[in-house]
């Protein structure tokens, strides 16, 4: 069974709102993600490098950038989740912190 598009759109919107609000409330996590993205850019890992370069051009802080770039926000949240779950250096356990914050 496939989930209707309007439901997935609503879920994406909710995820991006929560992710941005969490980053706003946690400057340390925000800096941690920016440092991790910079490391991935240096390593040439395109999924994050593309977002990081676009973010750098924007001259905004990360949360302002993500508010204006919802597609990149959802992509970043997904990659943070996958890489956090896989214990990647720089984001290990970070997504769990986000989930705990949302659960409060």
PDB file of N, CA and C in Angstrom:
ATOM      1  N   UNK A   1       0.834  -1.175   0.000  1.00  0.00           N
ATOM      2  CA  UNK A   1       0.000   0.000   0.000  1.00  0.00           C
ATOM      3  C   UNK A   1       0.882   1.241   0.000  1.00  0.00           C
ATOM      4  N   UNK A   2       0.584   2.137  -0.885  1.00  0.00           N
ATOM      5  CA  UNK A   2       1.357   3.372  -0.999  1.00  0.00           C
ATOM      6  C   UNK A   2       0.674   4.486  -0.202  1.00  0.00           C
ATOM      7  N   UNK A   3       1.486   5.275   0.488  1.00  0.00           N
ATOM      8  CA  UNK A   3       0.956   6.397   1.267  1.00  0.00           C
ATOM      9  C   UNK A   3       0.622   7.530   0.305  1.00  0.00           C
ATOM     10  N   UNK A   4      -0.561   8.134   0.428  1.00  0.00           N
ATOM     11  CA  UNK A   4      -0.942   9.249  -0.459  1.00  0.00           C
ATOM     12  C   UNK A   4       0.051  10.414  -0.350  1.00  0.00           C
ATOM     13  N   UNK A   5       0.252  11.099  -1.452  1.00  0.00           N
ATOM     14  CA  UNK A   5       1.241  12.177  -1.531  1.00  0.00           C
ATOM     15  C   UNK A   5       0.977  13.290  -0.523  1.00  0.00           C
ATOM     16  N   UNK A   6      -0.290  13.632  -0.302  1.00  0.00           N
ATOM     17  CA  UNK A   6      -0.568  14.723   0.633  1.00  0.00           C
ATOM     18  C   UNK A   6      -0.157  14.372   2.062  1.00  0.00           C
ATOM     19  N   UNK A   7      -0.195  13.086   2.404  1.00  0.00           N
ATOM     20  CA  UNK A   7       0.233  12.660   3.739  1.00  0.00           C
ATOM     21  C   UNK A   7       1.750  12.738   3.843  1.00  0.00           C
ATOM     22  N   UNK A   8       2.459  12.276   2.832  1.00  0.00           N
ATOM     23  CA  UNK A   8       3.922  12.365   2.887  1.00  0.00           C
ATOM     24  C   UNK A   8       4.377  13.822   2.857  1.00  0.00           C
ATOM     25  N   UNK A   9       3.670  14.673   2.121  1.00  0.00           N
ATOM     26  CA  UNK A   9       4.006  16.105   2.125  1.00  0.00           C
ATOM     27  C   UNK A   9       3.842  16.692   3.523  1.00  0.00           C
ATOM     28  N   UNK A  10       2.751  16.334   4.195  1.00  0.00           N
ATOM     29  CA  UNK A  10       2.522  16.812   5.560  1.00  0.00           C
ATOM     30  C   UNK A  10       3.604  16.306   6.514  1.00  0.00           C
ATOM     31  N   UNK A  11       4.003  15.049   6.348  1.00  0.00           N
ATOM     32  CA  UNK A  11       5.058  14.488   7.197  1.00  0.00           C
ATOM     33  C   UNK A  11       6.394  15.188   6.952  1.00  0.00           C
ATOM     34  N   UNK A  12       6.719  15.448   5.691  1.00  0.00           N
ATOM     35  CA  UNK A  12       7.958  16.165   5.376  1.00  0.00           C
ATOM     36  C   UNK A  12       7.949  17.556   5.974  1.00  0.00           C
ATOM     37  N   UNK A  13       6.814  18.241   5.870  1.00  0.00           N
ATOM     38  CA  UNK A  13       6.698  19.582   6.430  1.00  0.00           C
ATOM     39  C   UNK A  13       6.896  19.551   7.941  1.00  0.00           C
ATOM     40  N   UNK A  14       6.258  18.600   8.607  1.00  0.00           N
ATOM     41  CA  UNK A  14       6.406  18.480  10.058  1.00  0.00           C
ATOM     42  C   UNK A  14       7.842  18.163  10.440  1.00  0.00           C
ATOM     43  N   UNK A  15       8.481  17.258   9.702  1.00  0.00           N
ATOM     44  CA  UNK A  15       9.870  16.911   9.989  1.00  0.00           C
ATOM     45  C   UNK A  15      10.777  18.122   9.824  1.00  0.00           C
ATOM     46  N   UNK A  16      10.608  18.869   8.747  1.00  0.00           N
ATOM     47  CA  UNK A  16      11.475  20.039   8.535  1.00  0.00           C
ATOM     48  C   UNK A  16      11.248  21.082   9.623  1.00  0.00           C
ATOM     49  N   UNK A  17       9.999  21.310   9.998  1.00  0.00           N
ATOM     50  CA  UNK A  17       9.720  22.293  11.058  1.00  0.00           C
ATOM     51  C   UNK A  17      10.379  21.876  12.367  1.00  0.00           C
ATOM     52  N   UNK A  18      10.217  20.618  12.744  1.00  0.00           N
ATOM     53  CA  UNK A  18      10.826  20.127  13.984  1.00  0.00           C
ATOM     54  C   UNK A  18      12.350  20.174  13.909  1.00  0.00           C
ATOM     55  N   UNK A  19      12.907  19.779  12.791  1.00  0.00           N
ATOM     56  CA  UNK A  19      14.365  19.759  12.637  1.00  0.00           C
ATOM     57  C   UNK A  19      14.930  21.177  12.769  1.00  0.00           C
ATOM     58  N   UNK A  20      14.297  22.141  12.127  1.00  0.00           N
ATOM     59  CA  UNK A  20      14.758  23.534  12.206  1.00  0.00           C
ATOM     60  C   UNK A  20      14.583  24.073  13.622  1.00  0.00           C
ATOM     61  N   UNK A  21      13.451  23.796  14.251  1.00  0.00           N
ATOM     62  CA  UNK A  21      13.228  24.255  15.629  1.00  0.00           C
ATOM     63  C   UNK A  21      14.257  23.654  16.579  1.00  0.00           C
ATOM     64  N   UNK A  22      14.573  22.376  16.380  1.00  0.00           N
ATOM     65  CA  UNK A  22      15.582  21.732  17.212  1.00  0.00           C
ATOM     66  C   UNK A  22      16.937  22.401  17.029  1.00  0.00           C
ATOM     67  N   UNK A  23      17.316  22.655  15.783  1.00  0.00           N
ATOM     68  CA  UNK A  23      18.596  23.321  15.535  1.00  0.00           C
ATOM     69  C   UNK A  23      18.619  24.715  16.141  1.00  0.00           C
ATOM     70  N   UNK A  24      17.499  25.432  16.063  1.00  0.00           N
ATOM     71  CA  UNK A  24      17.402  26.750  16.691  1.00  0.00           C
ATOM     72  C   UNK A  24      17.631  26.669  18.200  1.00  0.00           C
ATOM     73  N   UNK A  25      17.136  25.610  18.808  1.00  0.00           N
ATOM     74  CA  UNK A  25      17.257  25.462  20.261  1.00  0.00           C
ATOM     75  C   UNK A  25      18.605  24.884  20.681  1.00  0.00           C
ATOM     76  N   UNK A  26      19.379  24.414  19.733  1.00  0.00           N
ATOM     77  CA  UNK A  26      20.653  23.756  20.051  1.00  0.00           C
ATOM     78  C   UNK A  26      21.782  24.273  19.163  1.00  0.00           C
ATOM     79  N   UNK A  27      22.373  25.411  19.526  1.00  0.00           N
ATOM     80  CA  UNK A  27      23.474  25.945  18.715  1.00  0.00           C
ATOM     81  C   UNK A  27      24.655  24.976  18.590  1.00  0.00           C
ATOM     82  N   UNK A  28      24.850  24.145  19.598  1.00  0.00           N
ATOM     83  CA  UNK A  28      25.952  23.174  19.528  1.00  0.00           C
ATOM     84  C   UNK A  28      25.678  22.151  18.426  1.00  0.00           C
ATOM     85  N   UNK A  29      24.463  21.635  18.365  1.00  0.00           N
ATOM     86  CA  UNK A  29      24.110  20.677  17.303  1.00  0.00           C
ATOM     87  C   UNK A  29      24.201  21.340  15.936  1.00  0.00           C
ATOM     88  N   UNK A  30      23.790  22.605  15.869  1.00  0.00           N
ATOM     89  CA  UNK A  30      23.863  23.344  14.609  1.00  0.00           C
ATOM     90  C   UNK A  30      25.320  23.450  14.134  1.00  0.00           C
ATOM     91  N   UNK A  31      26.216  23.816  15.044  1.00  0.00           N
ATOM     92  CA  UNK A  31      27.647  23.906  14.687  1.00  0.00           C
ATOM     93  C   UNK A  31      28.212  22.531  14.342  1.00  0.00           C
ATOM     94  N   UNK A  32      27.775  21.523  15.068  1.00  0.00           N
ATOM     95  CA  UNK A  32      28.250  20.154  14.819  1.00  0.00           C
ATOM     96  C   UNK A  32      27.869  19.718  13.409  1.00  0.00           C
ATOM     97  N   UNK A  33      26.655  20.017  12.990  1.00  0.00           N
ATOM     98  CA  UNK A  33      26.212  19.637  11.646  1.00  0.00           C
ATOM     99  C   UNK A  33      26.979  20.424  10.586  1.00  0.00           C
ATOM    100  N   UNK A  34      27.204  21.707  10.818  1.00  0.00           N
ATOM    101  CA  UNK A  34      27.962  22.510   9.844  1.00  0.00           C
ATOM    102  C   UNK A  34      29.388  21.975   9.721  1.00  0.00           C
ATOM    103  N   UNK A  35      30.026  21.645  10.835  1.00  0.00           N
ATOM    104  CA  UNK A  35      31.381  21.071  10.782  1.00  0.00           C
ATOM    105  C   UNK A  35      31.390  19.737  10.058  1.00  0.00           C
ATOM    106  N   UNK A  36      30.386  18.910  10.323  1.00  0.00           N
ATOM    107  CA  UNK A  36      30.279  17.612   9.653  1.00  0.00           C
ATOM    108  C   UNK A  36      30.088  17.801   8.148  1.00  0.00           C
ATOM    109  N   UNK A  37      29.224  18.770   7.780  1.00  0.00           N
ATOM    110  CA  UNK A  37      29.015  19.035   6.350  1.00  0.00           C
ATOM    111  C   UNK A  37      30.310  19.509   5.703  1.00  0.00           C
ATOM    112  N   UNK A  38      31.072  20.348   6.394  1.00  0.00           N
ATOM    113  CA  UNK A  38      32.345  20.833   5.853  1.00  0.00           C
ATOM    114  C   UNK A  38      33.306  19.664   5.632  1.00  0.00           C
ATOM    115  N   UNK A  39      33.347  18.740   6.577  1.00  0.00           N
ATOM    116  CA  UNK A  39      34.215  17.565   6.425  1.00  0.00           C
ATOM    117  C   UNK A  39      33.778  16.716   5.238  1.00  0.00           C
ATOM    118  N   UNK A  40      32.471  16.578   5.046  1.00  0.00           N
ATOM    119  CA  UNK A  40      31.972  15.799   3.913  1.00  0.00           C
ATOM    120  C   UNK A  40      32.263  16.507   2.588  1.00  0.00           C
ATOM    121  N   UNK A  41      32.239  17.833   2.609  1.00  0.00           N
ATOM    122  CA  UNK A  41      32.587  18.602   1.412  1.00  0.00           C
ATOM    123  C   UNK A  41      34.052  18.380   1.052  1.00  0.00           C
ATOM    124  N   UNK A  42      34.922  18.428   2.049  1.00  0.00           N
ATOM    125  CA  UNK A  42      36.357  18.189   1.815  1.00  0.00           C
ATOM    126  C   UNK A  42      36.566  16.784   1.268  1.00  0.00           C
ATOM    127  N   UNK A  43      35.807  15.827   1.794  1.00  0.00           N
ATOM    128  CA  UNK A  43      35.928  14.432   1.339  1.00  0.00           C
ATOM    129  C   UNK A  43      35.291  14.223  -0.032  1.00  0.00           C
ATOM    130  N   UNK A  44      34.527  15.209  -0.492  1.00  0.00           N
ATOM    131  CA  UNK A  44      33.904  15.103  -1.807  1.00  0.00           C
ATOM    132  C   UNK A  44      32.646  14.260  -1.834  1.00  0.00           C
ATOM    133  N   UNK A  45      31.982  14.123  -0.692  1.00  0.00           N
ATOM    134  CA  UNK A  45      30.758  13.324  -0.638  1.00  0.00           C
ATOM    135  C   UNK A  45      29.603  14.179  -1.129  1.00  0.00           C
ATOM    136  N   UNK A  46      29.178  13.953  -2.358  1.00  0.00           N
ATOM    137  CA  UNK A  46      28.277  14.846  -3.065  1.00  0.00           C
ATOM    138  C   UNK A  46      26.925  15.124  -2.412  1.00  0.00           C
ATOM    139  N   UNK A  47      26.250  14.150  -1.811  1.00  0.00           N
ATOM    140  CA  UNK A  47      24.931  14.490  -1.245  1.00  0.00           C
ATOM    141  C   UNK A  47      24.994  15.644  -0.235  1.00  0.00           C
ATOM    142  N   UNK A  48      26.016  15.650   0.602  1.00  0.00           N
ATOM    143  CA  UNK A  48      26.144  16.703   1.609  1.00  0.00           C
ATOM    144  C   UNK A  48      26.958  17.862   1.064  1.00  0.00           C
ATOM    145  N   UNK A  49      27.944  17.602   0.248  1.00  0.00           N
ATOM    146  CA  UNK A  49      28.770  18.660  -0.328  1.00  0.00           C
ATOM    147  C   UNK A  49      27.925  19.672  -1.100  1.00  0.00           C
ATOM    148  N   UNK A  50      26.969  19.187  -1.855  1.00  0.00           N
ATOM    149  CA  UNK A  50      26.090  20.073  -2.634  1.00  0.00           C
ATOM    150  C   UNK A  50      25.316  21.011  -1.711  1.00  0.00           C
ATOM    151  N   UNK A  51      24.755  20.465  -0.645  1.00  0.00           N
ATOM    152  CA  UNK A  51      23.996  21.274   0.312  1.00  0.00           C
ATOM    153  C   UNK A  51      24.925  22.258   1.021  1.00  0.00           C
ATOM    154  N   UNK A  52      26.084  21.783   1.435  1.00  0.00           N
ATOM    155  CA  UNK A  52      27.032  22.626   2.157  1.00  0.00           C
ATOM    156  C   UNK A  52      27.487  23.811   1.300  1.00  0.00           C
ATOM    157  N   UNK A  53      27.793  23.565   0.047  1.00  0.00           N
ATOM    158  CA  UNK A  53      28.239  24.655  -0.831  1.00  0.00           C
ATOM    159  C   UNK A  53      27.125  25.672  -1.063  1.00  0.00           C
ATOM    160  N   UNK A  54      25.908  25.188  -1.237  1.00  0.00           N
ATOM    161  CA  UNK A  54      24.770  26.093  -1.404  1.00  0.00           C
ATOM    162  C   UNK A  54      24.552  26.908  -0.131  1.00  0.00           C
ATOM    163  N   UNK A  55      24.664  26.265   1.011  1.00  0.00           N
ATOM    164  CA  UNK A  55      24.542  26.943   2.299  1.00  0.00           C
ATOM    165  C   UNK A  55      25.614  28.021   2.443  1.00  0.00           C
ATOM    166  N   UNK A  56      26.843  27.710   2.103  1.00  0.00           N
ATOM    167  CA  UNK A  56      27.936  28.689   2.212  1.00  0.00           C
ATOM    168  C   UNK A  56      27.702  29.907   1.336  1.00  0.00           C
ATOM    169  N   UNK A  57      27.141  29.713   0.163  1.00  0.00           N
ATOM    170  CA  UNK A  57      26.854  30.831  -0.741  1.00  0.00           C
ATOM    171  C   UNK A  57      25.749  31.725  -0.197  1.00  0.00           C
ATOM    172  N   UNK A  58      24.905  31.193   0.659  1.00  0.00           N
ATOM    173  CA  UNK A  58      23.718  31.920   1.100  1.00  0.00           C
ATOM    174  C   UNK A  58      24.014  33.025   2.114  1.00  0.00           C
ATOM    175  N   UNK A  59      25.135  32.969   2.788  1.00  0.00           N
ATOM    176  CA  UNK A  59      25.513  33.903   3.863  1.00  0.00           C
ATOM    177  C   UNK A  59      24.406  34.043   4.915  1.00  0.00           C
ATOM    178  N   UNK A  60      23.755  32.925   5.229  1.00  0.00           N
ATOM    179  CA  UNK A  60      22.766  32.850   6.304  1.00  0.00           C
ATOM    180  C   UNK A  60      23.272  31.862   7.348  1.00  0.00           C
ATOM    181  N   UNK A  61      22.644  31.881   8.526  1.00  0.00           N
ATOM    182  CA  UNK A  61      22.958  30.795   9.451  1.00  0.00           C
ATOM    183  C   UNK A  61      22.195  29.563   8.985  1.00  0.00           C
ATOM    184  N   UNK A  62      22.516  28.422   9.550  1.00  0.00           N
ATOM    185  CA  UNK A  62      21.967  27.167   9.031  1.00  0.00           C
ATOM    186  C   UNK A  62      20.442  27.120   9.118  1.00  0.00           C
ATOM    187  N   UNK A  63      19.872  27.552  10.216  1.00  0.00           N
ATOM    188  CA  UNK A  63      18.421  27.453  10.338  1.00  0.00           C
ATOM    189  C   UNK A  63      17.711  28.377   9.351  1.00  0.00           C
ATOM    190  N   UNK A  64      18.228  29.571   9.161  1.00  0.00           N
ATOM    191  CA  UNK A  64      17.626  30.481   8.163  1.00  0.00           C
ATOM    192  C   UNK A  64      17.736  29.886   6.763  1.00  0.00           C
ATOM    193  N   UNK A  65      18.888  29.304   6.476  1.00  0.00           N
ATOM    194  CA  UNK A  65      19.079  28.666   5.171  1.00  0.00           C
ATOM    195  C   UNK A  65      18.073  27.527   4.974  1.00  0.00           C
ATOM    196  N   UNK A  66      17.912  26.685   5.986  1.00  0.00           N
ATOM    197  CA  UNK A  66      17.015  25.539   5.860  1.00  0.00           C
ATOM    198  C   UNK A  66      15.555  25.960   5.751  1.00  0.00           C
ATOM    199  N   UNK A  67      15.182  27.064   6.385  1.00  0.00           N
ATOM    200  CA  UNK A  67      13.812  27.571   6.253  1.00  0.00           C
ATOM    201  C   UNK A  67      13.504  27.968   4.808  1.00  0.00           C
ATOM    202  N   UNK A  68      14.507  28.473   4.113  1.00  0.00           N
ATOM    203  CA  UNK A  68      14.324  28.925   2.726  1.00  0.00           C
ATOM    204  C   UNK A  68      14.542  27.805   1.716  1.00  0.00           C
ATOM    205  N   UNK A  69      15.089  26.684   2.169  1.00  0.00           N
ATOM    206  CA  UNK A  69      15.447  25.570   1.285  1.00  0.00           C
ATOM    207  C   UNK A  69      14.934  24.259   1.880  1.00  0.00           C
ATOM    208  N   UNK A  70      13.615  24.073   1.830  1.00  0.00           N
ATOM    209  CA  UNK A  70      12.979  22.929   2.483  1.00  0.00           C
ATOM    210  C   UNK A  70      13.433  21.589   1.902  1.00  0.00           C
ATOM    211  N   UNK A  71      13.659  21.533   0.598  1.00  0.00           N
ATOM    212  CA  UNK A  71      14.127  20.271   0.011  1.00  0.00           C
ATOM    213  C   UNK A  71      15.498  19.894   0.564  1.00  0.00           C
ATOM    214  N   UNK A  72      16.380  20.873   0.689  1.00  0.00           N
ATOM    215  CA  UNK A  72      17.693  20.591   1.263  1.00  0.00           C
ATOM    216  C   UNK A  72      17.585  20.259   2.748  1.00  0.00           C
ATOM    217  N   UNK A  73      16.611  20.855   3.429  1.00  0.00           N
ATOM    218  CA  UNK A  73      16.401  20.560   4.847  1.00  0.00           C
ATOM    219  C   UNK A  73      16.022  19.095   5.029  1.00  0.00           C
ATOM    220  N   UNK A  74      15.067  18.625   4.257  1.00  0.00           N
ATOM    221  CA  UNK A  74      14.636  17.235   4.404  1.00  0.00           C
ATOM    222  C   UNK A  74      15.764  16.284   3.999  1.00  0.00           C
ATOM    223  N   UNK A  75      16.520  16.638   2.967  1.00  0.00           N
ATOM    224  CA  UNK A  75      17.658  15.800   2.559  1.00  0.00           C
ATOM    225  C   UNK A  75      18.718  15.760   3.659  1.00  0.00           C
ATOM    226  N   UNK A  76      19.021  16.917   4.239  1.00  0.00           N
ATOM    227  CA  UNK A  76      20.012  16.959   5.314  1.00  0.00           C
ATOM    228  C   UNK A  76      19.541  16.155   6.520  1.00  0.00           C
ATOM    229  N   UNK A  77      18.284  16.313   6.903  1.00  0.00           N
ATOM    230  CA  UNK A  77      17.752  15.558   8.049  1.00  0.00           C
ATOM    231  C   UNK A  77      17.845  14.051   7.795  1.00  0.00           C
ATOM    232  N   UNK A  78      17.523  13.645   6.585  1.00  0.00           N
ATOM    233  CA  UNK A  78      17.615  12.210   6.257  1.00  0.00           C
ATOM    234  C   UNK A  78      19.045  11.700   6.348  1.00  0.00           C
ATOM    235  N   UNK A  79      19.999  12.477   5.790  1.00  0.00           N
ATOM    236  CA  UNK A  79      21.392  12.038   5.824  1.00  0.00           C
ATOM    237  C   UNK A  79      21.943  12.060   7.240  1.00  0.00           C
ATOM    238  N   UNK A  80      21.544  13.056   8.037  1.00  0.00           N
ATOM    239  CA  UNK A  80      21.976  13.080   9.439  1.00  0.00           C
ATOM    240  C   UNK A  80      21.451  11.836  10.145  1.00  0.00           C
ATOM    241  N   UNK A  81      20.201  11.464   9.870  1.00  0.00           N
ATOM    242  CA  UNK A  81      19.644  10.262  10.485  1.00  0.00           C
ATOM    243  C   UNK A  81      20.434   9.016  10.095  1.00  0.00           C
ATOM    244  N   UNK A  82      20.624   8.825   8.788  1.00  0.00           N
ATOM    245  CA  UNK A  82      21.317   7.618   8.327  1.00  0.00           C
ATOM    246  C   UNK A  82      22.753   7.560   8.840  1.00  0.00           C
ATOM    247  N   UNK A  83      23.448   8.682   8.783  1.00  0.00           N
ATOM    248  CA  UNK A  83      24.849   8.693   9.213  1.00  0.00           C
ATOM    249  C   UNK A  83      24.967   8.610  10.731  1.00  0.00           C
ATOM    250  N   UNK A  84      24.025   9.195  11.448  1.00  0.00           N
ATOM    251  CA  UNK A  84      24.004   9.081  12.903  1.00  0.00           C
ATOM    252  C   UNK A  84      23.752   7.636  13.315  1.00  0.00           C
ATOM    253  N   UNK A  85      22.791   7.006  12.667  1.00  0.00           N
ATOM    254  CA  UNK A  85      22.504   5.597  12.952  1.00  0.00           C
ATOM    255  C   UNK A  85      23.701   4.700  12.656  1.00  0.00           C
ATOM    256  N   UNK A  86      24.504   5.082  11.660  1.00  0.00           N
ATOM    257  CA  UNK A  86      25.678   4.296  11.277  1.00  0.00           C
ATOM    258  C   UNK A  86      26.930   4.697  12.064  1.00  0.00           C
ATOM    259  N   UNK A  87      26.754   5.565  13.060  1.00  0.00           N
ATOM    260  CA  UNK A  87      27.845   5.999  13.948  1.00  0.00           C
ATOM    261  C   UNK A  87      28.977   6.717  13.220  1.00  0.00           C
ATOM    262  N   UNK A  88      28.623   7.551  12.245  1.00  0.00           N
ATOM    263  CA  UNK A  88      29.639   8.331  11.546  1.00  0.00           C
ATOM    264  C   UNK A  88      30.208   9.384  12.488  1.00  0.00           C
ATOM    265  N   UNK A  89      31.511   9.546  12.430  1.00  0.00           N
ATOM    266  CA  UNK A  89      32.172  10.579  13.218  1.00  0.00           C
ATOM    267  C   UNK A  89      31.595  11.943  12.855  1.00  0.00           C
ATOM    268  N   UNK A  90      31.263  12.704  13.865  1.00  0.00           N
ATOM    269  CA  UNK A  90      30.723  14.036  13.667  1.00  0.00           C
ATOM    270  C   UNK A  90      29.233  14.111  13.885  1.00  0.00           C
ATOM    271  N   UNK A  91      28.511  13.028  13.629  1.00  0.00           N
ATOM    272  CA  UNK A  91      27.057  13.037  13.829  1.00  0.00           C
ATOM    273  C   UNK A  91      26.558  11.820  14.610  1.00  0.00           C
ATOM    274  N   UNK A  92      27.465  11.023  15.135  1.00  0.00           N
ATOM    275  CA  UNK A  92      27.081   9.827  15.885  1.00  0.00           C
ATOM    276  C   UNK A  92      26.158  10.204  17.044  1.00  0.00           C
ATOM    277  N   UNK A  93      24.958   9.659  17.059  1.00  0.00           N
ATOM    278  CA  UNK A  93      24.000   9.908  18.124  1.00  0.00           C
ATOM    279  C   UNK A  93      23.227  11.208  18.009  1.00  0.00           C
ATOM    280  N   UNK A  94      23.551  12.014  17.021  1.00  0.00           N
ATOM    281  CA  UNK A  94      22.912  13.323  16.888  1.00  0.00           C
ATOM    282  C   UNK A  94      21.426  13.205  16.574  1.00  0.00           C
ATOM    283  N   UNK A  95      21.060  12.273  15.711  1.00  0.00           N
ATOM    284  CA  UNK A  95      19.647  12.129  15.366  1.00  0.00           C
ATOM    285  C   UNK A  95      18.833  11.661  16.572  1.00  0.00           C
ATOM    286  N   UNK A  96      19.430  10.842  17.428  1.00  0.00           N
ATOM    287  CA  UNK A  96      18.738  10.421  18.649  1.00  0.00           C
ATOM    288  C   UNK A  96      18.441  11.626  19.535  1.00  0.00           C
ATOM    289  N   UNK A  97      19.364  12.585  19.577  1.00  0.00           N
ATOM    290  CA  UNK A  97      19.124  13.811  20.344  1.00  0.00           C
ATOM    291  C   UNK A  97      17.925  14.566  19.777  1.00  0.00           C
ATOM    292  N   UNK A  98      17.836  14.614  18.449  1.00  0.00           N
ATOM    293  CA  UNK A  98      16.710  15.266  17.795  1.00  0.00           C
ATOM    294  C   UNK A  98      15.400  14.566  18.148  1.00  0.00           C
ATOM    295  N   UNK A  99      15.375  13.240  18.058  1.00  0.00           N
ATOM    296  CA  UNK A  99      14.168  12.470  18.363  1.00  0.00           C
ATOM    297  C   UNK A  99      13.761  12.677  19.823  1.00  0.00           C
ATOM    298  N   UNK A 100      14.741  12.677  20.724  1.00  0.00           N
ATOM    299  CA  UNK A 100      14.441  12.922  22.148  1.00  0.00           C
ATOM    300  C   UNK A 100      13.845  14.308  22.341  1.00  0.00           C
ATOM    301  N   UNK A 101      14.373  15.295  21.625  1.00  0.00           N
ATOM    302  CA  UNK A 101      13.867  16.663  21.722  1.00  0.00           C
ATOM    303  C   UNK A 101      12.411  16.730  21.231  1.00  0.00           C
ATOM    304  N   UNK A 102      12.124  16.075  20.124  1.00  0.00           N
ATOM    305  CA  UNK A 102      10.757  16.070  19.584  1.00  0.00           C
ATOM    306  C   UNK A 102       9.810  15.369  20.559  1.00  0.00           C
ATOM    307  N   UNK A 103      10.270  14.309  21.173  1.00  0.00           N
ATOM    308  CA  UNK A 103       9.422  13.526  22.078  1.00  0.00           C
ATOM    309  C   UNK A 103       9.038  14.300  23.343  1.00  0.00           C
ATOM    310  N   UNK A 104       9.835  15.289  23.698  1.00  0.00           N
ATOM    311  CA  UNK A 104       9.519  16.085  24.902  1.00  0.00           C
ATOM    312  C   UNK A 104       8.330  16.894  24.615  1.00  0.00           C
TER     313      UNK A 104
END
